[in-house]
């Protein structure tokens, strides 16, 4: 990977959170953990120099890579053709921002596997899960703290917006830890693998946007009780208490104790005068 980067004149940039995986055993480990097989159509976000791309192409039916960096996007098809000529026709490159991608070439993807740029990991993950419902399994490598938040359960001190929103789409769990020395350049943080297996969203008459609006409001002031935190969303603290009571939820609780199903019940019970507020950034900071 280092030699290839030197030949292409590529240098990882902090602006795009680029830390390339350069350890072959780590690539194999990620592919195994993803459970990708010969029937899978895999979408990869941020393929970089292509180490994980090549590993995925060895086992999957097809791989589509989404790359925002123009230089990397230009050279990746050449790298695939040179290293795996017999599989090059199974590879597609989409030069675009993953947050803007609305469709992909070829058959619908069945799996998402990616070393996500740490600065946009959560919003990219949620966008891909929402945009491509055909994705059944996901394995992403993210900053260790982000992995903890995504996989956290209600009551955990790091449970928050990413945890609830990821659970809307999937069963989420930690799938391992990754050391710093398998990357170039080595990041200043540890990394973790997160596995997500698609499930149906909670049964609710509320829309996803309405449920996520409640989630954003509840965690915007996470130290406050739900009665106080949802006052702005409901129109007043009294209206928030009314909605919570109708949903069967103690208004003295805090958002960090609720499941995604409970947030959906609150959204259903919103006062009639409330109009769902625009959903904040999918990976809204807590």
C-alpha atoms as a PDB file:
ATOM      1  CA  UNK A   1       0.000   0.000   0.000  1.00  0.00           C
ATOM      2  CA  UNK A   2       2.843   2.410   0.832  1.00  0.00           C
ATOM      3  CA  UNK A   3       4.556   1.649  -2.472  1.00  0.00           C
ATOM      4  CA  UNK A   4       1.318   2.123  -4.358  1.00  0.00           C
ATOM      5  CA  UNK A   5       0.681   5.425  -2.621  1.00  0.00           C
ATOM      6  CA  UNK A   6       4.159   6.621  -3.464  1.00  0.00           C
ATOM      7  CA  UNK A   7       3.730   5.651  -7.106  1.00  0.00           C
ATOM      8  CA  UNK A   8       0.430   7.532  -7.299  1.00  0.00           C
ATOM      9  CA  UNK A   9       1.657  10.521  -5.338  1.00  0.00           C
ATOM     10  CA  UNK A  10      -1.040   9.978  -2.711  1.00  0.00           C
ATOM     11  CA  UNK A  11      -0.777  11.335   0.816  1.00  0.00           C
ATOM     12  CA  UNK A  12      -3.551  10.690   3.364  1.00  0.00           C
ATOM     13  CA  UNK A  13      -5.324  13.879   4.444  1.00  0.00           C
ATOM     14  CA  UNK A  14      -6.720  14.706   7.890  1.00  0.00           C
ATOM     15  CA  UNK A  15      -9.449  16.772   6.246  1.00  0.00           C
ATOM     16  CA  UNK A  16     -11.080  13.597   4.918  1.00  0.00           C
ATOM     17  CA  UNK A  17     -10.132  11.431   7.858  1.00  0.00           C
ATOM     18  CA  UNK A  18      -7.983   9.161   5.712  1.00  0.00           C
ATOM     19  CA  UNK A  19      -6.207   6.344   7.551  1.00  0.00           C
ATOM     20  CA  UNK A  20      -5.480   3.480   5.174  1.00  0.00           C
ATOM     21  CA  UNK A  21      -5.429  -0.148   6.354  1.00  0.00           C
ATOM     22  CA  UNK A  22      -2.034  -1.598   5.412  1.00  0.00           C
ATOM     23  CA  UNK A  23      -2.110  -4.907   7.300  1.00  0.00           C
ATOM     24  CA  UNK A  24      -3.228  -7.917   5.263  1.00  0.00           C
ATOM     25  CA  UNK A  25      -4.296  -9.932   8.324  1.00  0.00           C
ATOM     26  CA  UNK A  26      -6.576  -7.096   9.432  1.00  0.00           C
ATOM     27  CA  UNK A  27      -8.180  -7.008   5.990  1.00  0.00           C
ATOM     28  CA  UNK A  28      -8.839 -10.752   6.160  1.00  0.00           C
ATOM     29  CA  UNK A  29     -10.241 -10.378   9.662  1.00  0.00           C
ATOM     30  CA  UNK A  30     -12.681  -7.665   8.563  1.00  0.00           C
ATOM     31  CA  UNK A  31     -13.857  -9.717   5.586  1.00  0.00           C
ATOM     32  CA  UNK A  32     -14.410 -12.765   7.809  1.00  0.00           C
ATOM     33  CA  UNK A  33     -16.260 -10.734  10.437  1.00  0.00           C
ATOM     34  CA  UNK A  34     -18.502  -9.250   7.735  1.00  0.00           C
ATOM     35  CA  UNK A  35     -19.693 -12.719   6.769  1.00  0.00           C
ATOM     36  CA  UNK A  36     -19.567 -11.840   3.076  1.00  0.00           C
ATOM     37  CA  UNK A  37     -20.097 -14.712   0.659  1.00  0.00           C
ATOM     38  CA  UNK A  38     -20.258 -15.469  -3.077  1.00  0.00           C
ATOM     39  CA  UNK A  39     -23.857 -14.267  -3.389  1.00  0.00           C
ATOM     40  CA  UNK A  40     -23.254 -10.869  -1.818  1.00  0.00           C
ATOM     41  CA  UNK A  41     -23.182  -7.513  -3.561  1.00  0.00           C
ATOM     42  CA  UNK A  42     -21.027  -5.333  -1.310  1.00  0.00           C
ATOM     43  CA  UNK A  43     -20.893  -1.553  -1.142  1.00  0.00           C
ATOM     44  CA  UNK A  44     -17.720  -0.114   0.353  1.00  0.00           C
ATOM     45  CA  UNK A  45     -17.425   3.507   1.447  1.00  0.00           C
ATOM     46  CA  UNK A  46     -14.021   5.186   1.395  1.00  0.00           C
ATOM     47  CA  UNK A  47     -11.964   2.409  -0.229  1.00  0.00           C
ATOM     48  CA  UNK A  48      -8.802   4.526  -0.289  1.00  0.00           C
ATOM     49  CA  UNK A  49      -5.964   2.622  -1.926  1.00  0.00           C
ATOM     50  CA  UNK A  50      -8.046  -0.553  -2.200  1.00  0.00           C
ATOM     51  CA  UNK A  51      -6.691  -3.010   0.382  1.00  0.00           C
ATOM     52  CA  UNK A  52     -10.138  -3.893   1.752  1.00  0.00           C
ATOM     53  CA  UNK A  53     -11.629  -3.687  -1.750  1.00  0.00           C
ATOM     54  CA  UNK A  54      -9.335  -6.467  -2.950  1.00  0.00           C
ATOM     55  CA  UNK A  55     -10.122  -8.574   0.106  1.00  0.00           C
ATOM     56  CA  UNK A  56     -13.847  -8.219  -0.514  1.00  0.00           C
ATOM     57  CA  UNK A  57     -13.507  -9.023  -4.213  1.00  0.00           C
ATOM     58  CA  UNK A  58     -11.933 -12.361  -3.309  1.00  0.00           C
ATOM     59  CA  UNK A  59     -15.134 -13.594  -1.699  1.00  0.00           C
ATOM     60  CA  UNK A  60     -18.097 -11.457  -2.851  1.00  0.00           C
ATOM     61  CA  UNK A  61     -20.040 -11.610  -6.086  1.00  0.00           C
ATOM     62  CA  UNK A  62     -19.604  -7.881  -6.730  1.00  0.00           C
ATOM     63  CA  UNK A  63     -18.121  -4.829  -5.007  1.00  0.00           C
ATOM     64  CA  UNK A  64     -19.119  -1.219  -5.564  1.00  0.00           C
ATOM     65  CA  UNK A  65     -16.828   1.352  -3.958  1.00  0.00           C
ATOM     66  CA  UNK A  66     -17.870   4.939  -3.203  1.00  0.00           C
ATOM     67  CA  UNK A  67     -14.896   7.317  -3.086  1.00  0.00           C
ATOM     68  CA  UNK A  68     -14.978  11.108  -2.764  1.00  0.00           C
ATOM     69  CA  UNK A  69     -11.264  11.714  -3.336  1.00  0.00           C
ATOM     70  CA  UNK A  70     -10.718  12.374  -7.053  1.00  0.00           C
ATOM     71  CA  UNK A  71      -7.164  10.996  -7.199  1.00  0.00           C
ATOM     72  CA  UNK A  72      -8.023   7.812  -5.344  1.00  0.00           C
ATOM     73  CA  UNK A  73     -11.186   7.318  -7.400  1.00  0.00           C
ATOM     74  CA  UNK A  74      -9.206   7.733 -10.614  1.00  0.00           C
ATOM     75  CA  UNK A  75      -6.631   5.073  -9.764  1.00  0.00           C
ATOM     76  CA  UNK A  76      -8.597   2.427  -7.869  1.00  0.00           C
ATOM     77  CA  UNK A  77     -10.042   0.696 -10.970  1.00  0.00           C
ATOM     78  CA  UNK A  78      -6.508   0.445 -12.348  1.00  0.00           C
ATOM     79  CA  UNK A  79      -5.294  -1.087  -9.089  1.00  0.00           C
ATOM     80  CA  UNK A  80      -8.090  -3.659  -9.132  1.00  0.00           C
ATOM     81  CA  UNK A  81      -7.420  -4.531 -12.775  1.00  0.00           C
ATOM     82  CA  UNK A  82      -3.700  -4.974 -12.098  1.00  0.00           C
ATOM     83  CA  UNK A  83      -4.032  -6.997  -8.890  1.00  0.00           C
ATOM     84  CA  UNK A  84      -7.164  -9.031  -9.663  1.00  0.00           C
ATOM     85  CA  UNK A  85      -7.687  -9.022 -13.442  1.00  0.00           C
ATOM     86  CA  UNK A  86     -10.049 -12.009 -13.291  1.00  0.00           C
ATOM     87  CA  UNK A  87     -12.375 -10.108 -10.930  1.00  0.00           C
ATOM     88  CA  UNK A  88     -12.124  -6.610 -12.382  1.00  0.00           C
ATOM     89  CA  UNK A  89     -15.458  -6.965 -14.166  1.00  0.00           C
ATOM     90  CA  UNK A  90     -17.049  -7.508 -10.762  1.00  0.00           C
ATOM     91  CA  UNK A  91     -15.961  -4.074  -9.528  1.00  0.00           C
ATOM     92  CA  UNK A  92     -17.630  -0.673  -9.897  1.00  0.00           C
ATOM     93  CA  UNK A  93     -16.340   2.718  -8.762  1.00  0.00           C
ATOM     94  CA  UNK A  94     -18.663   5.590  -7.848  1.00  0.00           C
ATOM     95  CA  UNK A  95     -16.848   8.921  -7.529  1.00  0.00           C
ATOM     96  CA  UNK A  96     -19.116  10.780  -5.140  1.00  0.00           C
ATOM     97  CA  UNK A  97     -19.720  11.857  -1.569  1.00  0.00           C
ATOM     98  CA  UNK A  98     -21.300   8.928   0.288  1.00  0.00           C
ATOM     99  CA  UNK A  99     -23.695  11.367   1.963  1.00  0.00           C
ATOM    100  CA  UNK A 100     -25.026  12.354  -1.469  1.00  0.00           C
ATOM    101  CA  UNK A 101     -25.304   8.901  -3.050  1.00  0.00           C
ATOM    102  CA  UNK A 102     -28.907   8.014  -3.849  1.00  0.00           C
ATOM    103  CA  UNK A 103     -28.361   5.054  -6.185  1.00  0.00           C
ATOM    104  CA  UNK A 104     -25.654   2.583  -7.113  1.00  0.00           C
ATOM    105  CA  UNK A 105     -24.888   0.773 -10.376  1.00  0.00           C
ATOM    106  CA  UNK A 106     -25.697  -2.893 -10.737  1.00  0.00           C
ATOM    107  CA  UNK A 107     -27.768  -5.121  -8.447  1.00  0.00           C
ATOM    108  CA  UNK A 108     -28.927  -3.724  -5.075  1.00  0.00           C
ATOM    109  CA  UNK A 109     -26.259  -4.088  -2.376  1.00  0.00           C
ATOM    110  CA  UNK A 110     -26.767  -6.802   0.237  1.00  0.00           C
ATOM    111  CA  UNK A 111     -23.864  -5.797   2.494  1.00  0.00           C
ATOM    112  CA  UNK A 112     -22.010  -2.673   3.562  1.00  0.00           C
ATOM    113  CA  UNK A 113     -18.383  -3.083   4.626  1.00  0.00           C
ATOM    114  CA  UNK A 114     -16.213  -0.053   5.225  1.00  0.00           C
ATOM    115  CA  UNK A 115     -13.377   1.612   7.079  1.00  0.00           C
ATOM    116  CA  UNK A 116     -15.359   4.807   7.602  1.00  0.00           C
ATOM    117  CA  UNK A 117     -13.678   8.204   7.902  1.00  0.00           C
ATOM    118  CA  UNK A 118     -13.943   8.959  11.607  1.00  0.00           C
ATOM    119  CA  UNK A 119     -15.158  12.536  11.183  1.00  0.00           C
ATOM    120  CA  UNK A 120     -18.330  11.504   9.303  1.00  0.00           C
ATOM    121  CA  UNK A 121     -18.783   7.876  10.341  1.00  0.00           C
ATOM    122  CA  UNK A 122     -22.218   8.039  11.975  1.00  0.00           C
ATOM    123  CA  UNK A 123     -24.023  10.226   9.413  1.00  0.00           C
ATOM    124  CA  UNK A 124     -22.585   8.174   6.530  1.00  0.00           C
ATOM    125  CA  UNK A 125     -23.635   4.899   8.169  1.00  0.00           C
ATOM    126  CA  UNK A 126     -27.185   6.099   8.827  1.00  0.00           C
ATOM    127  CA  UNK A 127     -27.518   7.578   5.346  1.00  0.00           C
ATOM    128  CA  UNK A 128     -26.488   4.311   3.714  1.00  0.00           C
ATOM    129  CA  UNK A 129     -28.865   2.243   5.853  1.00  0.00           C
ATOM    130  CA  UNK A 130     -31.762   4.571   5.060  1.00  0.00           C
ATOM    131  CA  UNK A 131     -31.004   4.938   1.340  1.00  0.00           C
ATOM    132  CA  UNK A 132     -30.347   1.249   0.605  1.00  0.00           C
ATOM    133  CA  UNK A 133     -32.844  -0.949   2.471  1.00  0.00           C
ATOM    134  CA  UNK A 134     -31.512  -3.978   0.583  1.00  0.00           C
ATOM    135  CA  UNK A 135     -28.407  -3.896   2.826  1.00  0.00           C
ATOM    136  CA  UNK A 136     -28.938  -6.831   5.170  1.00  0.00           C
ATOM    137  CA  UNK A 137     -25.579  -6.900   6.960  1.00  0.00           C
ATOM    138  CA  UNK A 138     -23.101  -4.179   7.785  1.00  0.00           C
ATOM    139  CA  UNK A 139     -19.626  -4.215   9.258  1.00  0.00           C
ATOM    140  CA  UNK A 140     -17.900  -0.881   9.762  1.00  0.00           C
ATOM    141  CA  UNK A 141     -14.635   0.134  11.347  1.00  0.00           C
ATOM    142  CA  UNK A 142     -14.931   3.363  13.312  1.00  0.00           C
ATOM    143  CA  UNK A 143     -13.278   5.169  16.194  1.00  0.00           C
ATOM    144  CA  UNK A 144     -13.513   3.017  19.330  1.00  0.00           C
ATOM    145  CA  UNK A 145     -15.636   5.555  21.215  1.00  0.00           C
ATOM    146  CA  UNK A 146     -18.057   5.769  18.291  1.00  0.00           C
ATOM    147  CA  UNK A 147     -18.259   1.971  18.194  1.00  0.00           C
ATOM    148  CA  UNK A 148     -19.177   1.997  21.885  1.00  0.00           C
ATOM    149  CA  UNK A 149     -21.916   4.576  21.284  1.00  0.00           C
ATOM    150  CA  UNK A 150     -23.400   2.753  18.316  1.00  0.00           C
ATOM    151  CA  UNK A 151     -23.566  -0.541  20.210  1.00  0.00           C
ATOM    152  CA  UNK A 152     -24.640   0.887  23.601  1.00  0.00           C
ATOM    153  CA  UNK A 153     -27.853  -0.255  25.298  1.00  0.00           C
ATOM    154  CA  UNK A 154     -30.315   1.935  27.197  1.00  0.00           C
ATOM    155  CA  UNK A 155     -28.920   2.941  30.569  1.00  0.00           C
ATOM    156  CA  UNK A 156     -25.314   2.899  29.393  1.00  0.00           C
ATOM    157  CA  UNK A 157     -23.553   6.218  29.979  1.00  0.00           C
ATOM    158  CA  UNK A 158     -22.577   6.470  26.288  1.00  0.00           C
ATOM    159  CA  UNK A 159     -26.037   5.552  24.989  1.00  0.00           C
ATOM    160  CA  UNK A 160     -27.336   8.408  22.881  1.00  0.00           C
ATOM    161  CA  UNK A 161     -28.455   9.635  19.462  1.00  0.00           C
ATOM    162  CA  UNK A 162     -26.250   7.271  17.382  1.00  0.00           C
ATOM    163  CA  UNK A 163     -27.327   4.288  19.512  1.00  0.00           C
ATOM    164  CA  UNK A 164     -31.061   4.922  19.099  1.00  0.00           C
ATOM    165  CA  UNK A 165     -30.937   5.779  15.407  1.00  0.00           C
ATOM    166  CA  UNK A 166     -28.791   2.771  14.528  1.00  0.00           C
ATOM    167  CA  UNK A 167     -31.272   0.573  16.408  1.00  0.00           C
ATOM    168  CA  UNK A 168     -34.069   1.893  14.228  1.00  0.00           C
ATOM    169  CA  UNK A 169     -32.491  -0.016  11.342  1.00  0.00           C
ATOM    170  CA  UNK A 170     -30.623  -2.919  12.850  1.00  0.00           C
ATOM    171  CA  UNK A 171     -29.472  -5.090  15.712  1.00  0.00           C
ATOM    172  CA  UNK A 172     -26.128  -3.557  16.637  1.00  0.00           C
ATOM    173  CA  UNK A 173     -23.163  -5.072  18.452  1.00  0.00           C
ATOM    174  CA  UNK A 174     -19.438  -4.627  18.886  1.00  0.00           C
ATOM    175  CA  UNK A 175     -17.470  -7.032  16.693  1.00  0.00           C
ATOM    176  CA  UNK A 176     -13.921  -6.487  17.924  1.00  0.00           C
ATOM    177  CA  UNK A 177     -11.120  -4.000  18.503  1.00  0.00           C
ATOM    178  CA  UNK A 178      -8.482  -2.847  16.013  1.00  0.00           C
ATOM    179  CA  UNK A 179      -5.018  -1.577  16.963  1.00  0.00           C
ATOM    180  CA  UNK A 180      -3.498   1.635  15.682  1.00  0.00           C
ATOM    181  CA  UNK A 181      -0.479   0.140  13.916  1.00  0.00           C
ATOM    182  CA  UNK A 182      -2.489  -1.504  11.130  1.00  0.00           C
ATOM    183  CA  UNK A 183      -3.157   1.953   9.654  1.00  0.00           C
ATOM    184  CA  UNK A 184      -1.112   4.409   7.656  1.00  0.00           C
ATOM    185  CA  UNK A 185      -0.805   6.944   9.077  1.00  0.00           C
ATOM    186  CA  UNK A 186      -1.440   5.517  12.537  1.00  0.00           C
ATOM    187  CA  UNK A 187      -4.351   7.416  14.129  1.00  0.00           C
ATOM    188  CA  UNK A 188      -4.201   8.851  17.630  1.00  0.00           C
ATOM    189  CA  UNK A 189      -7.250   6.814  18.660  1.00  0.00           C
ATOM    190  CA  UNK A 190      -8.155   3.153  18.829  1.00  0.00           C
ATOM    191  CA  UNK A 191     -10.647   1.642  16.412  1.00  0.00           C
ATOM    192  CA  UNK A 192     -13.503  -0.801  16.725  1.00  0.00           C
ATOM    193  CA  UNK A 193     -15.616  -3.011  14.508  1.00  0.00           C
ATOM    194  CA  UNK A 194     -19.389  -2.701  14.650  1.00  0.00           C
ATOM    195  CA  UNK A 195     -21.780  -5.292  13.221  1.00  0.00           C
ATOM    196  CA  UNK A 196     -25.321  -4.342  12.213  1.00  0.00           C
ATOM    197  CA  UNK A 197     -27.911  -6.875  11.081  1.00  0.00           C
ATOM    198  CA  UNK A 198     -30.963  -5.366   9.421  1.00  0.00           C
ATOM    199  CA  UNK A 199     -34.301  -5.641  11.169  1.00  0.00           C
ATOM    200  CA  UNK A 200     -37.700  -4.089  10.611  1.00  0.00           C
ATOM    201  CA  UNK A 201     -38.155  -0.683  12.254  1.00  0.00           C
ATOM    202  CA  UNK A 202     -40.481  -0.531  15.266  1.00  0.00           C
ATOM    203  CA  UNK A 203     -44.162  -0.886  14.446  1.00  0.00           C
ATOM    204  CA  UNK A 204     -45.449   2.663  14.715  1.00  0.00           C
ATOM    205  CA  UNK A 205     -47.767   5.119  13.033  1.00  0.00           C
ATOM    206  CA  UNK A 206     -45.088   7.810  13.390  1.00  0.00           C
ATOM    207  CA  UNK A 207     -42.633   8.437  10.584  1.00  0.00           C
ATOM    208  CA  UNK A 208     -38.899   7.972  10.961  1.00  0.00           C
ATOM    209  CA  UNK A 209     -38.475  11.740  10.833  1.00  0.00           C
ATOM    210  CA  UNK A 210     -40.992  12.197  13.647  1.00  0.00           C
ATOM    211  CA  UNK A 211     -39.296   9.590  15.827  1.00  0.00           C
ATOM    212  CA  UNK A 212     -35.828  10.996  15.171  1.00  0.00           C
ATOM    213  CA  UNK A 213     -37.077  14.491  16.061  1.00  0.00           C
ATOM    214  CA  UNK A 214     -38.010  13.170  19.514  1.00  0.00           C
ATOM    215  CA  UNK A 215     -34.625  11.471  19.859  1.00  0.00           C
ATOM    216  CA  UNK A 216     -32.763  14.650  18.939  1.00  0.00           C
ATOM    217  CA  UNK A 217     -34.803  16.692  21.422  1.00  0.00           C
ATOM    218  CA  UNK A 218     -34.363  14.174  24.241  1.00  0.00           C
ATOM    219  CA  UNK A 219     -30.580  14.110  23.963  1.00  0.00           C
ATOM    220  CA  UNK A 220     -30.037  17.790  23.207  1.00  0.00           C
ATOM    221  CA  UNK A 221     -30.377  18.290  26.968  1.00  0.00           C
ATOM    222  CA  UNK A 222     -29.605  14.783  28.152  1.00  0.00           C
ATOM    223  CA  UNK A 223     -29.204  15.702  31.828  1.00  0.00           C
ATOM    224  CA  UNK A 224     -32.758  16.970  32.016  1.00  0.00           C
ATOM    225  CA  UNK A 225     -35.819  14.858  32.577  1.00  0.00           C
ATOM    226  CA  UNK A 226     -37.875  14.023  29.525  1.00  0.00           C
ATOM    227  CA  UNK A 227     -40.558  16.461  30.672  1.00  0.00           C
ATOM    228  CA  UNK A 228     -38.072  19.311  30.472  1.00  0.00           C
ATOM    229  CA  UNK A 229     -36.011  18.072  27.514  1.00  0.00           C
ATOM    230  CA  UNK A 230     -39.084  17.595  25.303  1.00  0.00           C
ATOM    231  CA  UNK A 231     -40.755  20.893  26.246  1.00  0.00           C
ATOM    232  CA  UNK A 232     -39.561  22.589  23.066  1.00  0.00           C
ATOM    233  CA  UNK A 233     -40.655  19.677  20.903  1.00  0.00           C
ATOM    234  CA  UNK A 234     -44.088  19.454  22.530  1.00  0.00           C
ATOM    235  CA  UNK A 235     -44.699  23.187  22.892  1.00  0.00           C
ATOM    236  CA  UNK A 236     -44.476  23.242  26.671  1.00  0.00           C
ATOM    237  CA  UNK A 237     -43.369  21.103  29.581  1.00  0.00           C
ATOM    238  CA  UNK A 238     -47.005  20.342  30.385  1.00  0.00           C
ATOM    239  CA  UNK A 239     -47.629  19.168  26.823  1.00  0.00           C
ATOM    240  CA  UNK A 240     -44.496  17.006  26.972  1.00  0.00           C
ATOM    241  CA  UNK A 241     -45.752  15.420  30.212  1.00  0.00           C
ATOM    242  CA  UNK A 242     -49.096  14.756  28.549  1.00  0.00           C
ATOM    243  CA  UNK A 243     -47.449  13.036  25.569  1.00  0.00           C
ATOM    244  CA  UNK A 244     -45.178  10.954  27.804  1.00  0.00           C
ATOM    245  CA  UNK A 245     -48.078   9.861  29.989  1.00  0.00           C
ATOM    246  CA  UNK A 246     -50.081   8.889  26.902  1.00  0.00           C
ATOM    247  CA  UNK A 247     -47.099   6.834  25.734  1.00  0.00           C
ATOM    248  CA  UNK A 248     -46.910   5.071  29.101  1.00  0.00           C
ATOM    249  CA  UNK A 249     -43.534   6.562  29.978  1.00  0.00           C
ATOM    250  CA  UNK A 250     -42.555   8.182  33.286  1.00  0.00           C
ATOM    251  CA  UNK A 251     -41.937  11.869  32.535  1.00  0.00           C
ATOM    252  CA  UNK A 252     -39.210  11.965  35.199  1.00  0.00           C
ATOM    253  CA  UNK A 253     -36.968   9.603  33.239  1.00  0.00           C
ATOM    254  CA  UNK A 254     -34.121  10.748  30.975  1.00  0.00           C
ATOM    255  CA  UNK A 255     -33.664   9.933  27.303  1.00  0.00           C
ATOM    256  CA  UNK A 256     -30.709   7.644  27.975  1.00  0.00           C
ATOM    257  CA  UNK A 257     -33.052   5.068  29.558  1.00  0.00           C
ATOM    258  CA  UNK A 258     -35.441   4.653  26.612  1.00  0.00           C
ATOM    259  CA  UNK A 259     -35.459   2.158  23.745  1.00  0.00           C
ATOM    260  CA  UNK A 260     -36.155   3.123  20.157  1.00  0.00           C
ATOM    261  CA  UNK A 261     -39.593   1.544  20.521  1.00  0.00           C
ATOM    262  CA  UNK A 262     -40.379   3.889  23.427  1.00  0.00           C
ATOM    263  CA  UNK A 263     -39.236   6.910  21.434  1.00  0.00           C
ATOM    264  CA  UNK A 264     -41.613   5.786  18.688  1.00  0.00           C
ATOM    265  CA  UNK A 265     -44.490   5.658  21.186  1.00  0.00           C
ATOM    266  CA  UNK A 266     -43.708   9.217  22.286  1.00  0.00           C
ATOM    267  CA  UNK A 267     -43.717  10.383  18.669  1.00  0.00           C
ATOM    268  CA  UNK A 268     -47.137   8.792  18.193  1.00  0.00           C
ATOM    269  CA  UNK A 269     -48.473  10.620  21.254  1.00  0.00           C
ATOM    270  CA  UNK A 270     -47.298  14.083  20.269  1.00  0.00           C
ATOM    271  CA  UNK A 271     -49.808  16.876  20.898  1.00  0.00           C
ATOM    272  CA  UNK A 272     -51.878  17.723  17.843  1.00  0.00           C
ATOM    273  CA  UNK A 273     -50.360  21.209  17.563  1.00  0.00           C
ATOM    274  CA  UNK A 274     -46.819  19.841  17.231  1.00  0.00           C
ATOM    275  CA  UNK A 275     -45.339  19.692  13.761  1.00  0.00           C
ATOM    276  CA  UNK A 276     -42.287  17.432  13.487  1.00  0.00           C
ATOM    277  CA  UNK A 277     -39.199  19.600  13.505  1.00  0.00           C
ATOM    278  CA  UNK A 278     -36.549  19.058  10.825  1.00  0.00           C
ATOM    279  CA  UNK A 279     -34.340  16.155  11.797  1.00  0.00           C
ATOM    280  CA  UNK A 280     -30.936  17.329  12.918  1.00  0.00           C
ATOM    281  CA  UNK A 281     -27.783  15.838  11.465  1.00  0.00           C
ATOM    282  CA  UNK A 282     -28.203  12.051  11.615  1.00  0.00           C
ATOM    283  CA  UNK A 283     -25.151  11.742  13.789  1.00  0.00           C
ATOM    284  CA  UNK A 284     -26.025  14.761  15.922  1.00  0.00           C
ATOM    285  CA  UNK A 285     -23.539  15.428  18.655  1.00  0.00           C
ATOM    286  CA  UNK A 286     -24.698  14.694  22.151  1.00  0.00           C
END
